[in-house]
Amino acid sequence: MSPVNISRWLSREVNLLQFGTPITCVYNPLVYARKPHESYLKQHAKQGIDVLFLGMNPGPWGMAQTGVPFGEISLVRDFLGIDEVVRQPPIIHPKRPINGFSCTRSEVSGKRLWGWVQNRFKKVSAFNERFFVANYCPLVFMEESG
């Protein structure tokens, strides 16, 4: 099964999950940010890597906006070469809007990770020869406070 097919299967499965208090809102970027997420998988996921960098779950200003793990917007667009349309989730938390690649907030962990990749490897293709970055849970969980 291809990474895109696995992602689509995972997206369907996690959409069936239900959460109780204190969780009041859940975003699934595999659905509303499917285009950039699948571009990321097609361009960067491959068999035979040596190391998988594994994040916990998307941050509100990174993957929640771009569909890319640790998705610092400027690095996703300019270094990874991904700039796709991001739709809106079905329920929007008022304190965590989805602005896609127009978001002006910064994902600190994404800036550190992809900034390190850029500084160390210069080209993302060199990084992709041995490494891949993913989250083990694709969902963004929010309480009422955001």
N, C-alpha and C. Protein backbone atom coordinates (compact mmCIF):
# COMPACT_ATOMS: atom_id res chain seq x y z
N MET A 1 0.85 -1.18 0.00
CA MET A 1 0.00 0.00 0.00
C MET A 1 0.89 1.24 0.00
N SER A 2 0.54 2.22 -0.80
CA SER A 2 1.33 3.45 -0.91
C SER A 2 1.12 4.34 0.33
N PRO A 3 2.05 5.25 0.60
CA PRO A 3 1.86 6.18 1.72
C PRO A 3 0.55 6.97 1.62
N VAL A 4 0.16 7.36 0.41
CA VAL A 4 -1.10 8.10 0.24
C VAL A 4 -2.28 7.22 0.61
N ASN A 5 -2.29 5.98 0.17
CA ASN A 5 -3.39 5.07 0.52
C ASN A 5 -3.43 4.79 2.01
N ILE A 6 -2.28 4.64 2.64
CA ILE A 6 -2.22 4.44 4.09
C ILE A 6 -2.79 5.66 4.79
N SER A 7 -2.41 6.84 4.34
CA SER A 7 -2.91 8.09 4.94
C SER A 7 -4.43 8.19 4.82
N ARG A 8 -4.96 7.85 3.67
CA ARG A 8 -6.42 7.91 3.48
C ARG A 8 -7.13 6.91 4.37
N TRP A 9 -6.57 5.71 4.51
CA TRP A 9 -7.15 4.71 5.40
C TRP A 9 -7.11 5.22 6.85
N LEU A 10 -5.95 5.72 7.28
CA LEU A 10 -5.81 6.24 8.63
C LEU A 10 -6.80 7.37 8.89
N SER A 11 -6.95 8.25 7.93
CA SER A 11 -7.87 9.37 8.06
C SER A 11 -9.30 8.89 8.30
N ARG A 12 -9.72 7.90 7.53
CA ARG A 12 -11.08 7.35 7.71
C ARG A 12 -11.23 6.72 9.09
N GLU A 13 -10.23 5.99 9.52
CA GLU A 13 -10.29 5.30 10.82
C GLU A 13 -10.34 6.29 11.99
N VAL A 14 -9.48 7.29 11.98
CA VAL A 14 -9.46 8.23 13.11
C VAL A 14 -10.70 9.13 13.11
N ASN A 15 -11.33 9.31 11.96
CA ASN A 15 -12.58 10.09 11.94
C ASN A 15 -13.70 9.39 12.69
N LEU A 16 -13.58 8.10 12.92
CA LEU A 16 -14.61 7.35 13.66
C LEU A 16 -14.46 7.50 15.17
N LEU A 17 -13.31 7.99 15.62
CA LEU A 17 -13.06 8.13 17.05
C LEU A 17 -13.87 9.27 17.64
N GLN A 18 -14.28 9.08 18.88
CA GLN A 18 -14.99 10.14 19.61
C GLN A 18 -14.26 10.39 20.92
N PHE A 19 -14.27 11.64 21.34
CA PHE A 19 -13.53 12.03 22.53
C PHE A 19 -14.44 12.77 23.49
N GLY A 20 -14.20 12.58 24.77
CA GLY A 20 -15.00 13.26 25.78
C GLY A 20 -14.23 14.40 26.41
N THR A 21 -14.83 14.97 27.42
CA THR A 21 -14.26 16.08 28.16
C THR A 21 -12.87 15.69 28.66
N PRO A 22 -11.90 16.56 28.54
CA PRO A 22 -11.96 17.99 28.27
C PRO A 22 -11.85 18.35 26.78
N ILE A 23 -11.78 17.38 25.88
CA ILE A 23 -11.64 17.67 24.45
C ILE A 23 -12.98 18.17 23.91
N THR A 24 -12.96 19.36 23.31
CA THR A 24 -14.19 19.94 22.76
C THR A 24 -14.14 20.09 21.24
N CYS A 25 -12.95 19.99 20.66
CA CYS A 25 -12.81 20.15 19.21
C CYS A 25 -11.60 19.33 18.74
N VAL A 26 -11.76 18.65 17.61
CA VAL A 26 -10.68 17.85 17.03
C VAL A 26 -10.56 18.20 15.55
N TYR A 27 -9.34 18.51 15.13
CA TYR A 27 -9.06 18.73 13.71
C TYR A 27 -8.36 17.49 13.15
N ASN A 28 -8.71 17.15 11.91
CA ASN A 28 -8.02 16.08 11.20
C ASN A 28 -7.44 16.66 9.90
N PRO A 29 -6.18 17.11 9.95
CA PRO A 29 -5.58 17.72 8.76
C PRO A 29 -5.44 16.76 7.58
N LEU A 30 -5.55 15.45 7.83
CA LEU A 30 -5.49 14.51 6.71
C LEU A 30 -6.71 14.65 5.82
N VAL A 31 -7.77 15.29 6.34
CA VAL A 31 -8.98 15.53 5.55
C VAL A 31 -8.93 16.93 4.92
N TYR A 32 -8.90 17.97 5.76
CA TYR A 32 -9.04 19.32 5.22
C TYR A 32 -7.75 19.85 4.59
N ALA A 33 -6.61 19.28 4.95
CA ALA A 33 -5.32 19.67 4.34
C ALA A 33 -4.77 18.49 3.52
N ARG A 34 -5.68 17.74 2.93
CA ARG A 34 -5.29 16.53 2.18
C ARG A 34 -4.32 16.84 1.04
N LYS A 35 -4.57 17.90 0.28
CA LYS A 35 -3.71 18.19 -0.88
C LYS A 35 -2.25 18.41 -0.48
N PRO A 36 -1.96 19.31 0.46
CA PRO A 36 -0.56 19.47 0.83
C PRO A 36 0.01 18.24 1.54
N HIS A 37 -0.82 17.55 2.33
CA HIS A 37 -0.33 16.36 3.02
C HIS A 37 0.08 15.28 2.01
N GLU A 38 -0.77 15.07 1.02
CA GLU A 38 -0.45 14.05 0.02
C GLU A 38 0.71 14.48 -0.87
N SER A 39 0.86 15.77 -1.12
CA SER A 39 2.05 16.25 -1.84
C SER A 39 3.31 15.94 -1.04
N TYR A 40 3.23 16.16 0.27
CA TYR A 40 4.36 15.83 1.15
C TYR A 40 4.70 14.35 1.05
N LEU A 41 3.69 13.50 1.16
CA LEU A 41 3.94 12.06 1.08
C LEU A 41 4.54 11.66 -0.26
N LYS A 42 3.96 12.16 -1.34
CA LYS A 42 4.44 11.79 -2.68
C LYS A 42 5.88 12.25 -2.92
N GLN A 43 6.21 13.43 -2.42
CA GLN A 43 7.54 13.99 -2.67
C GLN A 43 8.60 13.46 -1.71
N HIS A 44 8.20 13.09 -0.48
CA HIS A 44 9.22 12.85 0.54
C HIS A 44 9.20 11.47 1.18
N ALA A 45 8.10 10.74 1.13
CA ALA A 45 8.04 9.40 1.73
C ALA A 45 8.58 8.37 0.75
N LYS A 46 9.47 7.53 1.24
CA LYS A 46 9.97 6.46 0.38
C LYS A 46 10.42 5.28 1.23
N GLN A 47 10.51 4.14 0.62
CA GLN A 47 10.98 2.95 1.32
C GLN A 47 12.48 3.00 1.50
N GLY A 48 12.96 2.30 2.52
CA GLY A 48 14.40 2.14 2.70
C GLY A 48 15.08 3.23 3.50
N ILE A 49 14.31 4.05 4.20
CA ILE A 49 14.95 5.08 5.03
C ILE A 49 15.64 4.41 6.22
N ASP A 50 16.59 5.11 6.82
CA ASP A 50 17.29 4.62 8.00
C ASP A 50 16.67 5.13 9.29
N VAL A 51 16.11 6.34 9.24
CA VAL A 51 15.63 6.99 10.46
C VAL A 51 14.27 7.62 10.21
N LEU A 52 13.36 7.38 11.14
CA LEU A 52 12.05 8.02 11.13
C LEU A 52 12.00 9.00 12.29
N PHE A 53 11.88 10.29 11.99
CA PHE A 53 11.65 11.29 13.02
C PHE A 53 10.16 11.29 13.30
N LEU A 54 9.78 10.99 14.52
CA LEU A 54 8.37 10.79 14.84
C LEU A 54 7.90 11.82 15.85
N GLY A 55 6.95 12.64 15.43
CA GLY A 55 6.34 13.61 16.33
C GLY A 55 5.09 13.01 16.95
N MET A 56 4.59 13.67 17.97
CA MET A 56 3.43 13.16 18.68
C MET A 56 2.14 13.42 17.90
N ASN A 57 1.79 14.67 17.74
CA ASN A 57 0.59 15.03 16.96
C ASN A 57 0.76 16.47 16.47
N PRO A 58 -0.07 16.89 15.53
CA PRO A 58 0.11 18.21 14.92
C PRO A 58 -0.04 19.37 15.90
N GLY A 59 0.75 20.40 15.67
CA GLY A 59 0.59 21.63 16.41
C GLY A 59 -0.40 22.54 15.69
N PRO A 60 -1.00 23.50 16.41
CA PRO A 60 -2.03 24.34 15.82
C PRO A 60 -1.53 25.31 14.75
N TRP A 61 -0.23 25.58 14.73
CA TRP A 61 0.31 26.54 13.76
C TRP A 61 1.23 25.87 12.75
N GLY A 62 1.31 24.55 12.79
CA GLY A 62 2.16 23.80 11.87
C GLY A 62 1.32 22.89 10.99
N MET A 63 1.33 21.60 11.31
CA MET A 63 0.60 20.64 10.49
C MET A 63 -0.88 20.95 10.41
N ALA A 64 -1.43 21.54 11.46
CA ALA A 64 -2.86 21.92 11.41
C ALA A 64 -3.12 22.91 10.29
N GLN A 65 -2.12 23.72 9.95
CA GLN A 65 -2.26 24.73 8.89
C GLN A 65 -1.81 24.21 7.52
N THR A 66 -0.79 23.35 7.50
CA THR A 66 -0.15 22.97 6.23
C THR A 66 -0.36 21.52 5.82
N GLY A 67 -0.75 20.65 6.76
CA GLY A 67 -0.87 19.23 6.45
C GLY A 67 0.46 18.51 6.46
N VAL A 68 1.54 19.20 6.81
CA VAL A 68 2.89 18.62 6.82
C VAL A 68 3.38 18.56 8.27
N PRO A 69 3.90 17.41 8.72
CA PRO A 69 4.41 17.32 10.09
C PRO A 69 5.45 18.40 10.37
N PHE A 70 5.34 19.00 11.54
CA PHE A 70 6.23 20.09 11.95
C PHE A 70 6.20 21.20 10.90
N GLY A 71 4.99 21.51 10.43
CA GLY A 71 4.78 22.31 9.23
C GLY A 71 4.95 23.80 9.33
N GLU A 72 6.11 24.26 9.75
CA GLU A 72 6.42 25.70 9.71
C GLU A 72 6.20 26.21 8.29
N ILE A 73 5.30 27.15 8.15
CA ILE A 73 4.78 27.54 6.84
C ILE A 73 5.86 27.95 5.85
N SER A 74 6.75 28.85 6.23
CA SER A 74 7.76 29.32 5.27
C SER A 74 8.68 28.19 4.82
N LEU A 75 9.04 27.29 5.73
CA LEU A 75 9.92 26.18 5.35
C LEU A 75 9.19 25.13 4.52
N VAL A 76 7.93 24.88 4.82
CA VAL A 76 7.15 23.94 4.01
C VAL A 76 7.04 24.48 2.59
N ARG A 77 6.73 25.74 2.48
CA ARG A 77 6.55 26.35 1.15
C ARG A 77 7.89 26.49 0.41
N ASP A 78 8.88 27.08 1.07
CA ASP A 78 10.11 27.47 0.37
C ASP A 78 11.17 26.38 0.34
N PHE A 79 11.25 25.55 1.36
CA PHE A 79 12.27 24.50 1.40
C PHE A 79 11.73 23.16 0.91
N LEU A 80 10.53 22.78 1.39
CA LEU A 80 9.96 21.51 0.96
C LEU A 80 9.24 21.62 -0.38
N GLY A 81 8.91 22.83 -0.78
CA GLY A 81 8.28 23.05 -2.09
C GLY A 81 6.81 22.69 -2.14
N ILE A 82 6.12 22.86 -1.03
CA ILE A 82 4.69 22.52 -0.97
C ILE A 82 3.90 23.78 -0.64
N ASP A 83 2.92 24.08 -1.46
CA ASP A 83 2.04 25.23 -1.24
C ASP A 83 0.71 24.93 -1.93
N GLU A 84 -0.13 24.21 -1.25
CA GLU A 84 -1.41 23.74 -1.80
C GLU A 84 -2.57 24.38 -1.04
N VAL A 85 -3.73 24.27 -1.61
CA VAL A 85 -4.95 24.78 -0.97
C VAL A 85 -5.26 23.94 0.27
N VAL A 86 -5.58 24.62 1.36
CA VAL A 86 -6.03 23.98 2.59
C VAL A 86 -7.48 24.40 2.81
N ARG A 87 -8.36 23.42 2.91
CA ARG A 87 -9.78 23.70 3.14
C ARG A 87 -10.01 23.93 4.64
N GLN A 88 -11.24 24.17 5.00
CA GLN A 88 -11.61 24.36 6.40
C GLN A 88 -12.11 23.05 7.00
N PRO A 89 -11.78 22.79 8.27
CA PRO A 89 -12.36 21.63 8.95
C PRO A 89 -13.86 21.86 9.17
N PRO A 90 -14.63 20.80 9.40
CA PRO A 90 -16.08 20.97 9.56
C PRO A 90 -16.47 21.81 10.77
N ILE A 91 -15.70 21.71 11.84
CA ILE A 91 -15.94 22.52 13.04
C ILE A 91 -14.66 23.29 13.32
N ILE A 92 -14.80 24.61 13.48
CA ILE A 92 -13.63 25.46 13.68
C ILE A 92 -13.63 26.00 15.10
N HIS A 93 -12.52 25.79 15.79
CA HIS A 93 -12.37 26.34 17.13
C HIS A 93 -12.07 27.83 16.98
N PRO A 94 -12.80 28.71 17.68
CA PRO A 94 -12.61 30.16 17.50
C PRO A 94 -11.20 30.65 17.85
N LYS A 95 -10.48 29.93 18.71
CA LYS A 95 -9.14 30.36 19.08
C LYS A 95 -8.05 29.68 18.24
N ARG A 96 -8.43 28.78 17.37
CA ARG A 96 -7.47 28.07 16.53
C ARG A 96 -7.96 28.02 15.08
N PRO A 97 -8.05 29.19 14.43
CA PRO A 97 -8.54 29.22 13.05
C PRO A 97 -7.56 28.52 12.10
N ILE A 98 -8.09 28.04 11.01
CA ILE A 98 -7.26 27.44 9.97
C ILE A 98 -7.16 28.44 8.82
N ASN A 99 -5.95 28.95 8.63
CA ASN A 99 -5.68 29.90 7.55
C ASN A 99 -4.75 29.32 6.49
N GLY A 100 -4.39 28.06 6.65
CA GLY A 100 -3.51 27.41 5.68
C GLY A 100 -2.19 28.15 5.53
N PHE A 101 -1.73 28.28 4.32
CA PHE A 101 -0.44 28.91 4.06
C PHE A 101 -0.48 30.43 4.22
N SER A 102 -1.64 30.98 4.53
CA SER A 102 -1.77 32.41 4.84
C SER A 102 -1.60 32.68 6.33
N CYS A 103 -1.47 31.64 7.13
CA CYS A 103 -1.31 31.80 8.58
C CYS A 103 -0.03 32.59 8.86
N THR A 104 -0.13 33.54 9.78
CA THR A 104 1.03 34.37 10.11
C THR A 104 1.74 33.90 11.38
N ARG A 105 1.20 32.88 12.03
CA ARG A 105 1.84 32.35 13.25
C ARG A 105 2.98 31.41 12.85
N SER A 106 3.89 31.18 13.78
CA SER A 106 5.05 30.32 13.52
C SER A 106 4.96 29.05 14.35
N GLU A 107 5.36 27.95 13.77
CA GLU A 107 5.45 26.66 14.48
C GLU A 107 6.90 26.51 14.93
N VAL A 108 7.16 26.75 16.21
CA VAL A 108 8.52 26.80 16.73
C VAL A 108 9.25 25.48 16.51
N SER A 109 8.60 24.36 16.83
CA SER A 109 9.27 23.07 16.67
C SER A 109 9.55 22.78 15.19
N GLY A 110 8.65 23.20 14.32
CA GLY A 110 8.85 23.02 12.88
C GLY A 110 9.98 23.88 12.36
N LYS A 111 10.08 25.09 12.88
CA LYS A 111 11.18 25.98 12.48
C LYS A 111 12.51 25.36 12.88
N ARG A 112 12.54 24.77 14.08
CA ARG A 112 13.78 24.13 14.54
C ARG A 112 14.11 22.90 13.70
N LEU A 113 13.13 22.01 13.52
CA LEU A 113 13.40 20.76 12.80
C LEU A 113 13.76 21.01 11.34
N TRP A 114 12.86 21.65 10.60
CA TRP A 114 13.12 21.85 9.17
C TRP A 114 14.26 22.85 8.95
N GLY A 115 14.45 23.78 9.88
CA GLY A 115 15.60 24.68 9.79
C GLY A 115 16.91 23.92 9.94
N TRP A 116 16.94 22.95 10.87
CA TRP A 116 18.12 22.10 11.02
C TRP A 116 18.36 21.29 9.75
N VAL A 117 17.28 20.72 9.19
CA VAL A 117 17.42 19.94 7.96
C VAL A 117 18.00 20.82 6.85
N GLN A 118 17.49 22.02 6.71
CA GLN A 118 17.97 22.93 5.67
C GLN A 118 19.44 23.29 5.88
N ASN A 119 19.80 23.60 7.13
CA ASN A 119 21.19 23.97 7.42
C ASN A 119 22.15 22.80 7.26
N ARG A 120 21.73 21.63 7.68
CA ARG A 120 22.60 20.44 7.67
C ARG A 120 22.71 19.80 6.29
N PHE A 121 21.59 19.70 5.58
CA PHE A 121 21.56 18.94 4.32
C PHE A 121 21.49 19.82 3.07
N LYS A 122 21.19 21.09 3.24
CA LYS A 122 21.09 22.07 2.15
C LYS A 122 19.91 21.81 1.22
N LYS A 123 19.72 20.58 0.79
CA LYS A 123 18.60 20.21 -0.08
C LYS A 123 17.78 19.12 0.60
N VAL A 124 16.47 19.25 0.52
CA VAL A 124 15.61 18.26 1.17
C VAL A 124 15.81 16.88 0.55
N SER A 125 16.19 16.81 -0.71
CA SER A 125 16.41 15.51 -1.35
C SER A 125 17.54 14.73 -0.67
N ALA A 126 18.56 15.43 -0.18
CA ALA A 126 19.65 14.77 0.54
C ALA A 126 19.14 14.20 1.87
N PHE A 127 18.30 14.93 2.55
CA PHE A 127 17.68 14.45 3.79
C PHE A 127 16.81 13.23 3.52
N ASN A 128 16.03 13.29 2.44
CA ASN A 128 15.09 12.21 2.12
C ASN A 128 15.76 10.89 1.78
N GLU A 129 17.04 10.90 1.48
CA GLU A 129 17.75 9.65 1.18
C GLU A 129 17.76 8.72 2.38
N ARG A 130 17.78 9.29 3.59
CA ARG A 130 17.89 8.46 4.79
C ARG A 130 16.81 8.71 5.83
N PHE A 131 16.05 9.79 5.71
CA PHE A 131 15.16 10.21 6.79
C PHE A 131 13.75 10.50 6.29
N PHE A 132 12.80 10.42 7.22
CA PHE A 132 11.42 10.85 6.96
C PHE A 132 10.84 11.36 8.27
N VAL A 133 9.94 12.32 8.17
CA VAL A 133 9.31 12.93 9.34
C VAL A 133 7.81 12.64 9.29
N ALA A 134 7.27 12.15 10.42
CA ALA A 134 5.83 11.85 10.50
C ALA A 134 5.35 12.09 11.92
N ASN A 135 4.04 12.13 12.09
CA ASN A 135 3.42 12.14 13.42
C ASN A 135 2.72 10.81 13.63
N TYR A 136 2.79 10.26 14.84
CA TYR A 136 2.10 8.99 15.05
C TYR A 136 0.60 9.17 15.24
N CYS A 137 0.15 10.37 15.53
CA CYS A 137 -1.28 10.68 15.59
C CYS A 137 -1.53 11.91 14.74
N PRO A 138 -2.44 11.84 13.77
CA PRO A 138 -2.65 12.98 12.88
C PRO A 138 -3.62 14.03 13.41
N LEU A 139 -4.19 13.82 14.58
CA LEU A 139 -5.26 14.69 15.07
C LEU A 139 -4.75 15.82 15.94
N VAL A 140 -5.45 16.96 15.88
CA VAL A 140 -5.20 18.11 16.74
C VAL A 140 -6.32 18.14 17.77
N PHE A 141 -5.98 18.05 19.04
CA PHE A 141 -6.97 18.03 20.12
C PHE A 141 -7.01 19.38 20.81
N MET A 142 -8.22 19.90 21.03
CA MET A 142 -8.36 21.19 21.70
C MET A 142 -9.41 21.13 22.80
N GLU A 143 -9.11 21.81 23.86
CA GLU A 143 -10.09 22.02 24.92
C GLU A 143 -10.86 23.29 24.60
N GLU A 144 -11.82 23.62 25.41
CA GLU A 144 -12.62 24.83 25.18
C GLU A 144 -11.74 26.08 25.12
N SER A 145 -10.68 26.10 25.94
CA SER A 145 -9.79 27.27 26.00
C SER A 145 -8.89 27.39 24.77
N GLY A 146 -8.87 26.36 23.94
CA GLY A 146 -8.04 26.40 22.74
C GLY A 146 -6.78 25.63 22.91
